[in-house]
C-alpha atoms as a PDB file:
ATOM      1  CA  MET A   1     -21.915   5.240  15.159  1.00  0.00           C
ATOM      2  CA  VAL A   2     -18.884   6.122  13.154  1.00  0.00           C
ATOM      3  CA  TYR A   3     -16.711   4.543  15.621  1.00  0.00           C
ATOM      4  CA  LYS A   4     -18.502   1.367  15.458  1.00  0.00           C
ATOM      5  CA  TYR A   5     -18.154   1.184  11.604  1.00  0.00           C
ATOM      6  CA  PHE A   6     -14.482   2.040  11.828  1.00  0.00           C
ATOM      7  CA  CYS A   7     -13.947  -0.770  14.431  1.00  0.00           C
ATOM      8  CA  ASP A   8     -15.870  -3.225  12.223  1.00  0.00           C
ATOM      9  CA  LEU A   9     -13.759  -2.054   9.254  1.00  0.00           C
ATOM     10  CA  VAL A  10     -10.423  -2.583  11.191  1.00  0.00           C
ATOM     11  CA  GLN A  11     -11.697  -6.165  12.299  1.00  0.00           C
ATOM     12  CA  LEU A  12     -12.570  -6.881   8.664  1.00  0.00           C
ATOM     13  CA  LEU A  13      -9.107  -5.854   7.610  1.00  0.00           C
ATOM     14  CA  PHE A  14      -7.397  -8.152  10.022  1.00  0.00           C
ATOM     15  CA  ARG A  15      -9.809 -10.966   9.057  1.00  0.00           C
ATOM     16  CA  LEU A  16      -8.933 -10.376   5.410  1.00  0.00           C
ATOM     17  CA  VAL A  17      -5.148  -9.957   5.827  1.00  0.00           C
ATOM     18  CA  TRP A  18      -4.288 -12.272   8.661  1.00  0.00           C
ATOM     19  CA  GLY A  19      -7.238 -14.684   8.590  1.00  0.00           C
ATOM     20  CA  ILE A  20      -7.909 -14.242  12.303  1.00  0.00           C
ATOM     21  CA  ASN A  21     -11.335 -14.934  13.524  1.00  0.00           C
ATOM     22  CA  ARG A  22     -12.795 -13.457  16.849  1.00  0.00           C
ATOM     23  CA  VAL A  23     -11.260 -16.225  18.948  1.00  0.00           C
ATOM     24  CA  GLY A  24      -7.844 -15.518  17.542  1.00  0.00           C
ATOM     25  CA  ARG A  25      -7.461 -18.673  15.431  1.00  0.00           C
ATOM     26  CA  ILE A  26      -6.563 -18.654  11.731  1.00  0.00           C
ATOM     27  CA  ASN A  27      -9.281 -19.841   9.540  1.00  0.00           C
ATOM     28  CA  LYS A  28      -7.953 -20.009   6.037  1.00  0.00           C
ATOM     29  CA  GLN A  29     -11.130 -21.235   4.308  1.00  0.00           C
ATOM     30  CA  GLU A  30     -13.031 -18.184   5.669  1.00  0.00           C
ATOM     31  CA  VAL A  31     -10.634 -15.760   4.195  1.00  0.00           C
ATOM     32  CA  PRO A  32     -10.431 -15.459   0.461  1.00  0.00           C
ATOM     33  CA  LEU A  33      -7.571 -12.948   0.362  1.00  0.00           C
ATOM     34  CA  PHE A  34      -5.388 -15.122   2.452  1.00  0.00           C
ATOM     35  CA  ASN A  35      -5.244 -17.736  -0.184  1.00  0.00           C
ATOM     36  CA  MET A  36      -5.504 -15.525  -3.177  1.00  0.00           C
ATOM     37  CA  ALA A  37      -3.030 -12.794  -2.428  1.00  0.00           C
ATOM     38  CA  ILE A  38      -0.369 -14.698  -0.577  1.00  0.00           C
ATOM     39  CA  ARG A  39       0.548 -17.895  -2.275  1.00  0.00           C
ATOM     40  CA  ALA A  40       4.332 -18.113  -1.805  1.00  0.00           C
ATOM     41  CA  ARG A  41       5.809 -18.488   1.546  1.00  0.00           C
ATOM     42  CA  GLU A  42       9.157 -16.814   0.693  1.00  0.00           C
ATOM     43  CA  ASN A  43       7.649 -13.387   0.542  1.00  0.00           C
ATOM     44  CA  LEU A  44       5.089 -13.638   3.323  1.00  0.00           C
ATOM     45  CA  VAL A  45       6.091 -10.618   5.225  1.00  0.00           C
ATOM     46  CA  ALA A  46       6.359  -8.505   2.228  1.00  0.00           C
ATOM     47  CA  ALA A  47       3.038  -9.718   0.691  1.00  0.00           C
ATOM     48  CA  ARG A  48       1.294  -8.882   4.059  1.00  0.00           C
ATOM     49  CA  ALA A  49       2.833  -5.595   4.400  1.00  0.00           C
ATOM     50  CA  PHE A  50       1.991  -4.892   0.733  1.00  0.00           C
ATOM     51  CA  LEU A  51      -1.662  -5.859   1.366  1.00  0.00           C
ATOM     52  CA  VAL A  52      -2.015  -3.874   4.477  1.00  0.00           C
ATOM     53  CA  GLY A  53      -0.261  -0.827   2.952  1.00  0.00           C
ATOM     54  CA  VAL A  54      -2.509  -0.712  -0.187  1.00  0.00           C
ATOM     55  CA  ILE A  55      -5.642  -1.191   1.726  1.00  0.00           C
ATOM     56  CA  LEU A  56      -4.634   1.474   4.368  1.00  0.00           C
ATOM     57  CA  ALA A  57      -3.726   3.832   1.537  1.00  0.00           C
ATOM     58  CA  VAL A  58      -7.048   3.429  -0.251  1.00  0.00           C
ATOM     59  CA  LEU A  59      -9.024   3.742   2.911  1.00  0.00           C
ATOM     60  CA  LEU A  60      -6.994   6.829   3.991  1.00  0.00           C
ATOM     61  CA  GLY A  61      -7.521   8.464   0.527  1.00  0.00           C
ATOM     62  CA  VAL A  62     -11.193   7.815   0.325  1.00  0.00           C
ATOM     63  CA  PHE A  63     -12.064   8.531   4.012  1.00  0.00           C
ATOM     64  CA  ALA A  64      -9.553  10.932   5.253  1.00  0.00           C
ATOM     65  CA  GLY A  65      -9.015  13.025   2.143  1.00  0.00           C
ATOM     66  CA  ASP A  66      -6.485  15.777   2.540  1.00  0.00           C
ATOM     67  CA  LYS A  67      -6.503  15.480   6.290  1.00  0.00           C
ATOM     68  CA  ILE A  68      -4.166  12.453   6.560  1.00  0.00           C
ATOM     69  CA  ASN A  69      -2.081  12.342   9.812  1.00  0.00           C
ATOM     70  CA  SER A  70       1.567  12.447   9.400  1.00  0.00           C
ATOM     71  CA  LEU A  71       1.948   9.560  11.611  1.00  0.00           C
ATOM     72  CA  ILE A  72      -0.182   7.428   9.235  1.00  0.00           C
ATOM     73  CA  ILE A  73       2.105   8.513   6.303  1.00  0.00           C
ATOM     74  CA  GLY A  74       5.093   7.399   8.395  1.00  0.00           C
ATOM     75  CA  ILE A  75       3.353   3.952   8.920  1.00  0.00           C
ATOM     76  CA  LEU A  76       2.861   3.680   5.218  1.00  0.00           C
ATOM     77  CA  ALA A  77       6.495   4.637   4.553  1.00  0.00           C
ATOM     78  CA  ILE A  78       7.771   1.932   7.064  1.00  0.00           C
ATOM     79  CA  LEU A  79       5.494  -0.645   5.351  1.00  0.00           C
ATOM     80  CA  GLY A  80       7.124   0.378   2.026  1.00  0.00           C
ATOM     81  CA  VAL A  81      10.448  -0.104   3.467  1.00  0.00           C
ATOM     82  CA  ILE A  82       9.345  -3.494   4.738  1.00  0.00           C
ATOM     83  CA  VAL A  83       8.089  -4.483   1.271  1.00  0.00           C
ATOM     84  CA  GLY A  84      11.250  -3.352  -0.489  1.00  0.00           C
ATOM     85  CA  TYR A  85      13.428  -5.137   1.867  1.00  0.00           C
ATOM     86  CA  PHE A  86      11.708  -8.404   1.519  1.00  0.00           C
ATOM     87  CA  VAL A  87      11.262  -8.529  -2.316  1.00  0.00           C
ATOM     88  CA  ALA A  88      12.802 -11.709  -3.643  1.00  0.00           C
ATOM     89  CA  ASP A  89      15.614 -11.551  -6.029  1.00  0.00           C
ATOM     90  CA  LYS A  90      13.704 -13.267  -8.785  1.00  0.00           C
ATOM     91  CA  ASN A  91      10.937 -10.699  -8.642  1.00  0.00           C
ATOM     92  CA  VAL A  92      13.122  -7.492  -8.525  1.00  0.00           C
ATOM     93  CA  GLN A  93      12.742  -6.487 -12.335  1.00  0.00           C
ATOM     94  CA  THR A  94       9.055  -7.123 -12.240  1.00  0.00           C
ATOM     95  CA  PHE A  95       8.650  -5.013  -8.959  1.00  0.00           C
ATOM     96  CA  LEU A  96      10.942  -2.048 -10.149  1.00  0.00           C
ATOM     97  CA  LEU A  97       8.929  -1.931 -13.531  1.00  0.00           C
ATOM     98  CA  ALA A  98       5.585  -1.948 -11.895  1.00  0.00           C
ATOM     99  CA  SER A  99       6.523   0.324  -8.851  1.00  0.00           C
ATOM    100  CA  VAL A 100       8.400   2.900 -11.051  1.00  0.00           C
ATOM    101  CA  SER A 101       5.463   3.171 -13.408  1.00  0.00           C
ATOM    102  CA  LEU A 102       3.034   3.346 -10.466  1.00  0.00           C
ATOM    103  CA  VAL A 103       5.053   6.157  -8.888  1.00  0.00           C
ATOM    104  CA  LEU A 104       5.244   8.136 -12.139  1.00  0.00           C
ATOM    105  CA  VAL A 105       1.607   7.803 -13.017  1.00  0.00           C
ATOM    106  CA  SER A 106       0.624   8.622  -9.401  1.00  0.00           C
ATOM    107  CA  TYR A 107       2.570  11.761  -9.347  1.00  0.00           C
ATOM    108  CA  SER A 108       1.367  12.839 -12.721  1.00  0.00           C
ATOM    109  CA  GLY A 109      -2.149  12.060 -11.716  1.00  0.00           C
ATOM    110  CA  ILE A 110      -1.793  14.145  -8.580  1.00  0.00           C
ATOM    111  CA  SER A 111      -0.255  17.044 -10.687  1.00  0.00           C
ATOM    112  CA  GLY A 112      -3.104  16.930 -13.245  1.00  0.00           C
ATOM    113  CA  LEU A 113      -5.844  16.495 -10.535  1.00  0.00           C
ATOM    114  CA  VAL A 114      -4.668  19.572  -8.655  1.00  0.00           C
ATOM    115  CA  ILE A 115      -4.969  21.762 -11.777  1.00  0.00           C
ATOM    116  CA  ASN A 116      -8.290  20.147 -12.735  1.00  0.00           C
ATOM    117  CA  SER A 117      -9.710  20.648  -9.176  1.00  0.00           C
ATOM    118  CA  ALA A 118      -8.646  24.180  -9.144  1.00  0.00           C
ATOM    119  CA  VAL A 119     -10.529  24.879 -12.399  1.00  0.00           C
ATOM    120  CA  LEU A 120     -13.514  22.569 -11.881  1.00  0.00           C
ATOM    121  CA  GLY A 121     -13.887  22.528  -8.023  1.00  0.00           C
ATOM    122  CA  THR A 122     -14.842  18.914  -7.926  1.00  0.00           C
ATOM    123  CA  GLY A 123     -14.775  16.882  -4.688  1.00  0.00           C
ATOM    124  CA  ILE A 124     -13.631  13.703  -6.175  1.00  0.00           C
ATOM    125  CA  ALA A 125     -10.468  15.021  -7.412  1.00  0.00           C
ATOM    126  CA  SER A 126      -9.290  15.694  -3.832  1.00  0.00           C
ATOM    127  CA  ILE A 127     -10.158  12.063  -3.041  1.00  0.00           C
ATOM    128  CA  VAL A 128      -8.264  10.543  -5.796  1.00  0.00           C
ATOM    129  CA  SER A 129      -5.286  12.998  -5.173  1.00  0.00           C
ATOM    130  CA  ALA A 130      -5.240  11.877  -1.455  1.00  0.00           C
ATOM    131  CA  THR A 131      -5.434   8.156  -2.478  1.00  0.00           C
ATOM    132  CA  LEU A 132      -2.593   8.621  -4.956  1.00  0.00           C
ATOM    133  CA  GLY A 133      -0.488  10.604  -2.486  1.00  0.00           C
ATOM    134  CA  ALA A 134      -0.936   7.791   0.088  1.00  0.00           C
ATOM    135  CA  LEU A 135       0.130   5.148  -2.507  1.00  0.00           C
ATOM    136  CA  LEU A 136       3.158   7.313  -3.281  1.00  0.00           C
ATOM    137  CA  ALA A 137       4.006   7.215   0.499  1.00  0.00           C
ATOM    138  CA  LEU A 138       4.068   3.424   0.291  1.00  0.00           C
ATOM    139  CA  PHE A 139       5.707   2.753  -3.077  1.00  0.00           C
ATOM    140  CA  VAL A 140       8.467   5.388  -3.078  1.00  0.00           C
ATOM    141  CA  PRO A 141      10.372   3.864  -0.138  1.00  0.00           C
ATOM    142  CA  ALA A 142       9.814   0.364  -1.515  1.00  0.00           C
ATOM    143  CA  THR A 143      11.159   1.313  -4.870  1.00  0.00           C
ATOM    144  CA  ILE A 144      14.241   3.027  -3.445  1.00  0.00           C
ATOM    145  CA  ILE A 145      14.982   0.037  -1.190  1.00  0.00           C
ATOM    146  CA  VAL A 146      14.703  -2.514  -4.143  1.00  0.00           C
ATOM    147  CA  ALA A 147      16.580  -0.147  -6.476  1.00  0.00           C
ATOM    148  CA  LEU A 148      19.396   0.109  -4.005  1.00  0.00           C
ATOM    149  CA  LYS A 149      19.472  -3.556  -3.443  1.00  0.00           C
ATOM    150  CA  THR A 150      19.632  -4.217  -7.108  1.00  0.00           C
ATOM    151  CA  VAL A 151      22.639  -1.686  -7.597  1.00  0.00           C
ATOM    152  CA  PHE A 152      24.568  -3.249  -4.852  1.00  0.00           C
ATOM    153  CA  SER A 153      24.050  -6.818  -6.169  1.00  0.00           C
ATOM    154  CA  ILE A 154      25.351  -5.566  -9.664  1.00  0.00           C
ATOM    155  CA  ALA A 155      28.286  -3.896  -8.068  1.00  0.00           C
ATOM    156  CA  LYS A 156      29.159  -7.063  -6.065  1.00  0.00           C
ATOM    157  CA  SER A 157      29.176  -9.301  -9.082  1.00  0.00           C
END
């Protein structure tokens, strides 16, 4: 039963991100995220990697909790490297500002929730903490790659 729901969820994820129906053809009218989240063709790889990474991180945080497999964390880190590598030069400042703030807030949220969950003993704190940790696994490599690209471009000019 759980396996069937998981397979349906994975199929829905593929339909939302890549716009693939059961036959394997792309149907852009059926997939609202295909048109909404990915508008520019210059960042197509980064946008899809980012969308898959965020959805995967949130699903892992909610359903896996503290028992996230290290292979999945590695996949999130690789998606983060892909996102960071394909960020366009015109979006570097916006991306760095948003990703650094997200990394700082996620880390402080994890630190605060660990203390709160130890005191209160709530189950929601572990779910939020795992979700923030998975988002950190996605955004830290992307932020490092974009920051290094920016430093090298400044040094080159």
